[in-house]
Amino acid sequence: AALARLVAEAAAEAVSSGGRFALGLSGGSLVPLLARELPGALRAVPGAEPGRWLVALCDERLVPPEHPESTAGAYRVRGGGTEGTGRAGGVSG
């Protein structure tokens, strides 16, 4: 919960200064943690505006999204399938 809150607070600070929030995400154990904790943190921190985020996958493998080793696929599965929306799973607003 602390990591998700830190991300939400940093996002709100970046957005409030008129900018965008850039976030690099890895896969592994971070996927279920953010999927579980980030939605609540975003509700608790006003102004985080996920639509103003730039999310980069830092360790994406060269595999199709449906492959078990795909970081993008893991976030889509955990986030409810947001493919094509421009929003990372679990962080849509």
N, C-alpha and C. Protein backbone atom coordinates (compact mmCIF):
# COMPACT_ATOMS: atom_id res chain seq x y z
N ALA A 1 0.82 -1.20 0.00
CA ALA A 1 0.00 0.00 0.00
C ALA A 1 0.86 1.25 0.00
N ALA A 2 2.02 1.18 0.67
CA ALA A 2 2.90 2.35 0.74
C ALA A 2 3.44 2.73 -0.63
N LEU A 3 3.82 1.73 -1.43
CA LEU A 3 4.34 2.02 -2.77
C LEU A 3 3.27 2.65 -3.64
N ALA A 4 2.07 2.09 -3.61
CA ALA A 4 0.97 2.62 -4.42
C ALA A 4 0.64 4.05 -4.01
N ARG A 5 0.64 4.31 -2.72
CA ARG A 5 0.38 5.67 -2.23
C ARG A 5 1.46 6.63 -2.70
N LEU A 6 2.73 6.20 -2.65
CA LEU A 6 3.85 7.02 -3.11
C LEU A 6 3.72 7.34 -4.60
N VAL A 7 3.33 6.36 -5.38
CA VAL A 7 3.13 6.58 -6.82
C VAL A 7 2.01 7.58 -7.05
N ALA A 8 0.90 7.41 -6.36
CA ALA A 8 -0.24 8.32 -6.52
C ALA A 8 0.12 9.75 -6.10
N GLU A 9 0.84 9.89 -5.01
CA GLU A 9 1.24 11.23 -4.55
C GLU A 9 2.21 11.88 -5.52
N ALA A 10 3.17 11.12 -6.04
CA ALA A 10 4.12 11.68 -7.02
C ALA A 10 3.39 12.09 -8.29
N ALA A 11 2.40 11.29 -8.71
CA ALA A 11 1.62 11.63 -9.89
C ALA A 11 0.83 12.92 -9.67
N ALA A 12 0.19 13.04 -8.53
CA ALA A 12 -0.59 14.25 -8.24
C ALA A 12 0.31 15.48 -8.23
N GLU A 13 1.51 15.35 -7.69
CA GLU A 13 2.45 16.48 -7.66
C GLU A 13 2.87 16.88 -9.07
N ALA A 14 3.19 15.89 -9.91
CA ALA A 14 3.60 16.18 -11.29
C ALA A 14 2.46 16.83 -12.08
N VAL A 15 1.27 16.29 -11.94
CA VAL A 15 0.11 16.81 -12.68
C VAL A 15 -0.25 18.21 -12.19
N SER A 16 -0.17 18.45 -10.88
CA SER A 16 -0.54 19.77 -10.34
C SER A 16 0.40 20.87 -10.81
N SER A 17 1.62 20.50 -11.18
CA SER A 17 2.56 21.51 -11.67
C SER A 17 2.40 21.72 -13.18
N GLY A 18 1.34 21.15 -13.74
CA GLY A 18 1.04 21.35 -15.16
C GLY A 18 1.73 20.35 -16.06
N GLY A 19 2.33 19.33 -15.50
CA GLY A 19 3.05 18.36 -16.31
C GLY A 19 2.36 17.03 -16.44
N ARG A 20 3.15 16.07 -16.86
CA ARG A 20 2.71 14.69 -16.97
C ARG A 20 3.50 13.88 -15.96
N PHE A 21 3.00 12.73 -15.63
CA PHE A 21 3.69 11.83 -14.72
C PHE A 21 4.21 10.65 -15.51
N ALA A 22 5.51 10.41 -15.47
CA ALA A 22 6.12 9.29 -16.17
C ALA A 22 6.44 8.19 -15.15
N LEU A 23 6.08 6.97 -15.50
CA LEU A 23 6.26 5.83 -14.61
C LEU A 23 6.78 4.65 -15.40
N GLY A 24 7.90 4.10 -14.98
CA GLY A 24 8.44 2.89 -15.58
C GLY A 24 8.05 1.69 -14.74
N LEU A 25 7.46 0.71 -15.36
CA LEU A 25 6.99 -0.48 -14.64
C LEU A 25 7.72 -1.73 -15.09
N SER A 26 8.07 -2.55 -14.13
CA SER A 26 8.59 -3.87 -14.44
C SER A 26 7.47 -4.87 -14.21
N GLY A 27 7.76 -6.12 -14.47
CA GLY A 27 6.75 -7.16 -14.27
C GLY A 27 6.93 -7.86 -12.94
N GLY A 28 6.77 -9.15 -12.96
CA GLY A 28 6.97 -9.96 -11.76
C GLY A 28 5.98 -9.65 -10.66
N SER A 29 6.49 -9.55 -9.44
CA SER A 29 5.63 -9.35 -8.27
C SER A 29 5.01 -7.96 -8.22
N LEU A 30 5.51 -7.02 -9.03
CA LEU A 30 4.94 -5.68 -9.05
C LEU A 30 3.54 -5.67 -9.66
N VAL A 31 3.29 -6.56 -10.61
CA VAL A 31 1.99 -6.59 -11.30
C VAL A 31 0.83 -6.80 -10.31
N PRO A 32 0.83 -7.89 -9.52
CA PRO A 32 -0.31 -8.07 -8.61
C PRO A 32 -0.36 -7.02 -7.50
N LEU A 33 0.80 -6.53 -7.07
CA LEU A 33 0.82 -5.50 -6.03
C LEU A 33 0.12 -4.24 -6.52
N LEU A 34 0.50 -3.74 -7.69
CA LEU A 34 -0.12 -2.52 -8.20
C LEU A 34 -1.58 -2.74 -8.58
N ALA A 35 -1.89 -3.90 -9.15
CA ALA A 35 -3.28 -4.18 -9.50
C ALA A 35 -4.18 -4.15 -8.27
N ARG A 36 -3.65 -4.61 -7.16
CA ARG A 36 -4.42 -4.66 -5.91
C ARG A 36 -4.45 -3.31 -5.19
N GLU A 37 -3.34 -2.61 -5.14
CA GLU A 37 -3.21 -1.43 -4.28
C GLU A 37 -3.38 -0.07 -4.97
N LEU A 38 -3.04 0.02 -6.25
CA LEU A 38 -3.06 1.34 -6.90
C LEU A 38 -4.45 1.94 -7.07
N PRO A 39 -5.48 1.17 -7.43
CA PRO A 39 -6.80 1.79 -7.57
C PRO A 39 -7.26 2.52 -6.30
N GLY A 40 -7.06 1.91 -5.14
CA GLY A 40 -7.45 2.56 -3.88
C GLY A 40 -6.60 3.79 -3.59
N ALA A 41 -5.31 3.70 -3.90
CA ALA A 41 -4.42 4.85 -3.68
C ALA A 41 -4.84 6.02 -4.57
N LEU A 42 -5.24 5.72 -5.79
CA LEU A 42 -5.67 6.79 -6.71
C LEU A 42 -6.96 7.45 -6.22
N ARG A 43 -7.84 6.66 -5.64
CA ARG A 43 -9.08 7.24 -5.08
C ARG A 43 -8.77 8.11 -3.86
N ALA A 44 -7.73 7.76 -3.11
CA ALA A 44 -7.40 8.47 -1.88
C ALA A 44 -6.58 9.74 -2.12
N VAL A 45 -5.96 9.85 -3.29
CA VAL A 45 -5.09 11.01 -3.59
C VAL A 45 -5.71 11.79 -4.74
N PRO A 46 -6.36 12.90 -4.44
CA PRO A 46 -6.97 13.68 -5.52
C PRO A 46 -5.91 14.29 -6.44
N GLY A 47 -6.25 14.38 -7.72
CA GLY A 47 -5.37 15.05 -8.67
C GLY A 47 -4.34 14.18 -9.34
N ALA A 48 -4.34 12.86 -9.11
CA ALA A 48 -3.34 12.00 -9.73
C ALA A 48 -3.58 11.83 -11.23
N GLU A 49 -4.80 11.94 -11.68
CA GLU A 49 -5.19 11.94 -13.10
C GLU A 49 -4.42 10.95 -13.97
N PRO A 50 -4.74 9.67 -13.94
CA PRO A 50 -4.03 8.68 -14.76
C PRO A 50 -4.01 8.99 -16.25
N GLY A 51 -4.95 9.77 -16.73
CA GLY A 51 -4.94 10.17 -18.14
C GLY A 51 -3.76 11.04 -18.50
N ARG A 52 -3.06 11.58 -17.51
CA ARG A 52 -1.88 12.43 -17.75
C ARG A 52 -0.58 11.67 -17.48
N TRP A 53 -0.65 10.36 -17.39
CA TRP A 53 0.52 9.53 -17.13
C TRP A 53 1.12 9.02 -18.43
N LEU A 54 2.42 8.87 -18.43
CA LEU A 54 3.14 8.16 -19.48
C LEU A 54 3.73 6.92 -18.81
N VAL A 55 3.24 5.76 -19.18
CA VAL A 55 3.66 4.51 -18.55
C VAL A 55 4.51 3.73 -19.54
N ALA A 56 5.71 3.36 -19.09
CA ALA A 56 6.63 2.57 -19.92
C ALA A 56 6.90 1.24 -19.24
N LEU A 57 6.90 0.19 -20.04
CA LEU A 57 7.22 -1.14 -19.52
C LEU A 57 8.72 -1.34 -19.69
N CYS A 58 9.41 -1.46 -18.58
CA CYS A 58 10.87 -1.45 -18.58
C CYS A 58 11.53 -2.77 -18.94
N ASP A 59 10.86 -3.86 -18.78
CA ASP A 59 11.49 -5.15 -19.06
C ASP A 59 10.63 -6.04 -19.96
N GLU A 60 9.94 -5.42 -20.88
CA GLU A 60 9.04 -6.19 -21.75
C GLU A 60 9.85 -7.15 -22.62
N ARG A 61 9.36 -8.35 -22.75
CA ARG A 61 9.99 -9.35 -23.58
C ARG A 61 9.45 -9.27 -25.00
N LEU A 62 10.19 -9.81 -25.94
CA LEU A 62 9.75 -9.82 -27.33
C LEU A 62 8.88 -11.05 -27.57
N VAL A 63 7.73 -11.02 -26.96
CA VAL A 63 6.74 -12.10 -27.08
C VAL A 63 5.37 -11.46 -27.26
N PRO A 64 4.41 -12.21 -27.80
CA PRO A 64 3.06 -11.65 -27.94
C PRO A 64 2.45 -11.36 -26.56
N PRO A 65 1.52 -10.42 -26.47
CA PRO A 65 0.91 -10.06 -25.19
C PRO A 65 0.26 -11.22 -24.45
N GLU A 66 -0.21 -12.22 -25.18
CA GLU A 66 -0.87 -13.35 -24.52
C GLU A 66 0.13 -14.38 -23.97
N HIS A 67 1.40 -14.20 -24.25
CA HIS A 67 2.44 -15.12 -23.76
C HIS A 67 2.63 -14.93 -22.26
N PRO A 68 2.87 -16.00 -21.50
CA PRO A 68 3.04 -15.88 -20.04
C PRO A 68 4.21 -14.99 -19.60
N GLU A 69 5.19 -14.78 -20.48
CA GLU A 69 6.34 -13.94 -20.13
C GLU A 69 6.15 -12.47 -20.49
N SER A 70 5.00 -12.10 -20.99
CA SER A 70 4.74 -10.72 -21.42
C SER A 70 4.34 -9.84 -20.24
N THR A 71 5.11 -8.80 -19.99
CA THR A 71 4.77 -7.85 -18.94
C THR A 71 3.48 -7.10 -19.29
N ALA A 72 3.37 -6.65 -20.53
CA ALA A 72 2.14 -5.94 -20.96
C ALA A 72 0.93 -6.84 -20.80
N GLY A 73 1.06 -8.09 -21.18
CA GLY A 73 -0.04 -9.03 -21.02
C GLY A 73 -0.42 -9.24 -19.57
N ALA A 74 0.58 -9.29 -18.69
CA ALA A 74 0.30 -9.46 -17.26
C ALA A 74 -0.48 -8.28 -16.71
N TYR A 75 -0.13 -7.07 -17.10
CA TYR A 75 -0.87 -5.90 -16.62
C TYR A 75 -2.28 -5.87 -17.20
N ARG A 76 -2.45 -6.29 -18.45
CA ARG A 76 -3.80 -6.34 -19.04
C ARG A 76 -4.68 -7.33 -18.29
N VAL A 77 -4.14 -8.51 -18.02
CA VAL A 77 -4.92 -9.54 -17.32
C VAL A 77 -5.28 -9.07 -15.92
N ARG A 78 -4.34 -8.51 -15.17
CA ARG A 78 -4.60 -8.05 -13.80
C ARG A 78 -5.48 -6.81 -13.78
N GLY A 79 -5.43 -5.99 -14.83
CA GLY A 79 -6.16 -4.74 -14.83
C GLY A 79 -7.52 -4.81 -15.50
N GLY A 80 -7.93 -5.98 -15.90
CA GLY A 80 -9.27 -6.11 -16.47
C GLY A 80 -9.33 -5.92 -17.97
N GLY A 81 -8.18 -6.00 -18.66
CA GLY A 81 -8.20 -5.94 -20.12
C GLY A 81 -8.44 -4.56 -20.65
N THR A 82 -7.46 -3.68 -20.56
CA THR A 82 -7.62 -2.31 -21.03
C THR A 82 -6.91 -2.10 -22.36
N GLU A 83 -6.67 -3.16 -23.10
CA GLU A 83 -5.96 -3.06 -24.37
C GLU A 83 -6.66 -2.06 -25.29
N GLY A 84 -5.85 -1.19 -25.87
CA GLY A 84 -6.37 -0.23 -26.83
C GLY A 84 -6.96 1.02 -26.21
N THR A 85 -6.94 1.13 -24.89
CA THR A 85 -7.54 2.31 -24.28
C THR A 85 -6.50 3.39 -23.97
N GLY A 86 -5.21 3.02 -24.07
CA GLY A 86 -4.18 3.97 -23.71
C GLY A 86 -3.97 4.04 -22.21
N ARG A 87 -4.59 3.13 -21.47
CA ARG A 87 -4.47 3.12 -20.01
C ARG A 87 -3.90 1.79 -19.57
N ALA A 88 -2.99 1.84 -18.66
CA ALA A 88 -2.44 0.61 -18.10
C ALA A 88 -3.45 -0.03 -17.18
N GLY A 89 -3.50 -1.34 -17.18
CA GLY A 89 -4.42 -2.04 -16.29
C GLY A 89 -4.19 -1.66 -14.86
N GLY A 90 -5.26 -1.41 -14.16
CA GLY A 90 -5.16 -1.09 -12.73
C GLY A 90 -4.94 0.38 -12.45
N VAL A 91 -4.66 1.20 -13.47
CA VAL A 91 -4.43 2.61 -13.19
C VAL A 91 -5.40 3.50 -13.95
N SER A 92 -6.43 2.96 -14.51
CA SER A 92 -7.38 3.81 -15.21
C SER A 92 -8.19 4.62 -14.24
N GLY A 93 -8.59 5.81 -14.66
CA GLY A 93 -9.28 6.70 -13.74
C GLY A 93 -10.73 6.83 -13.94
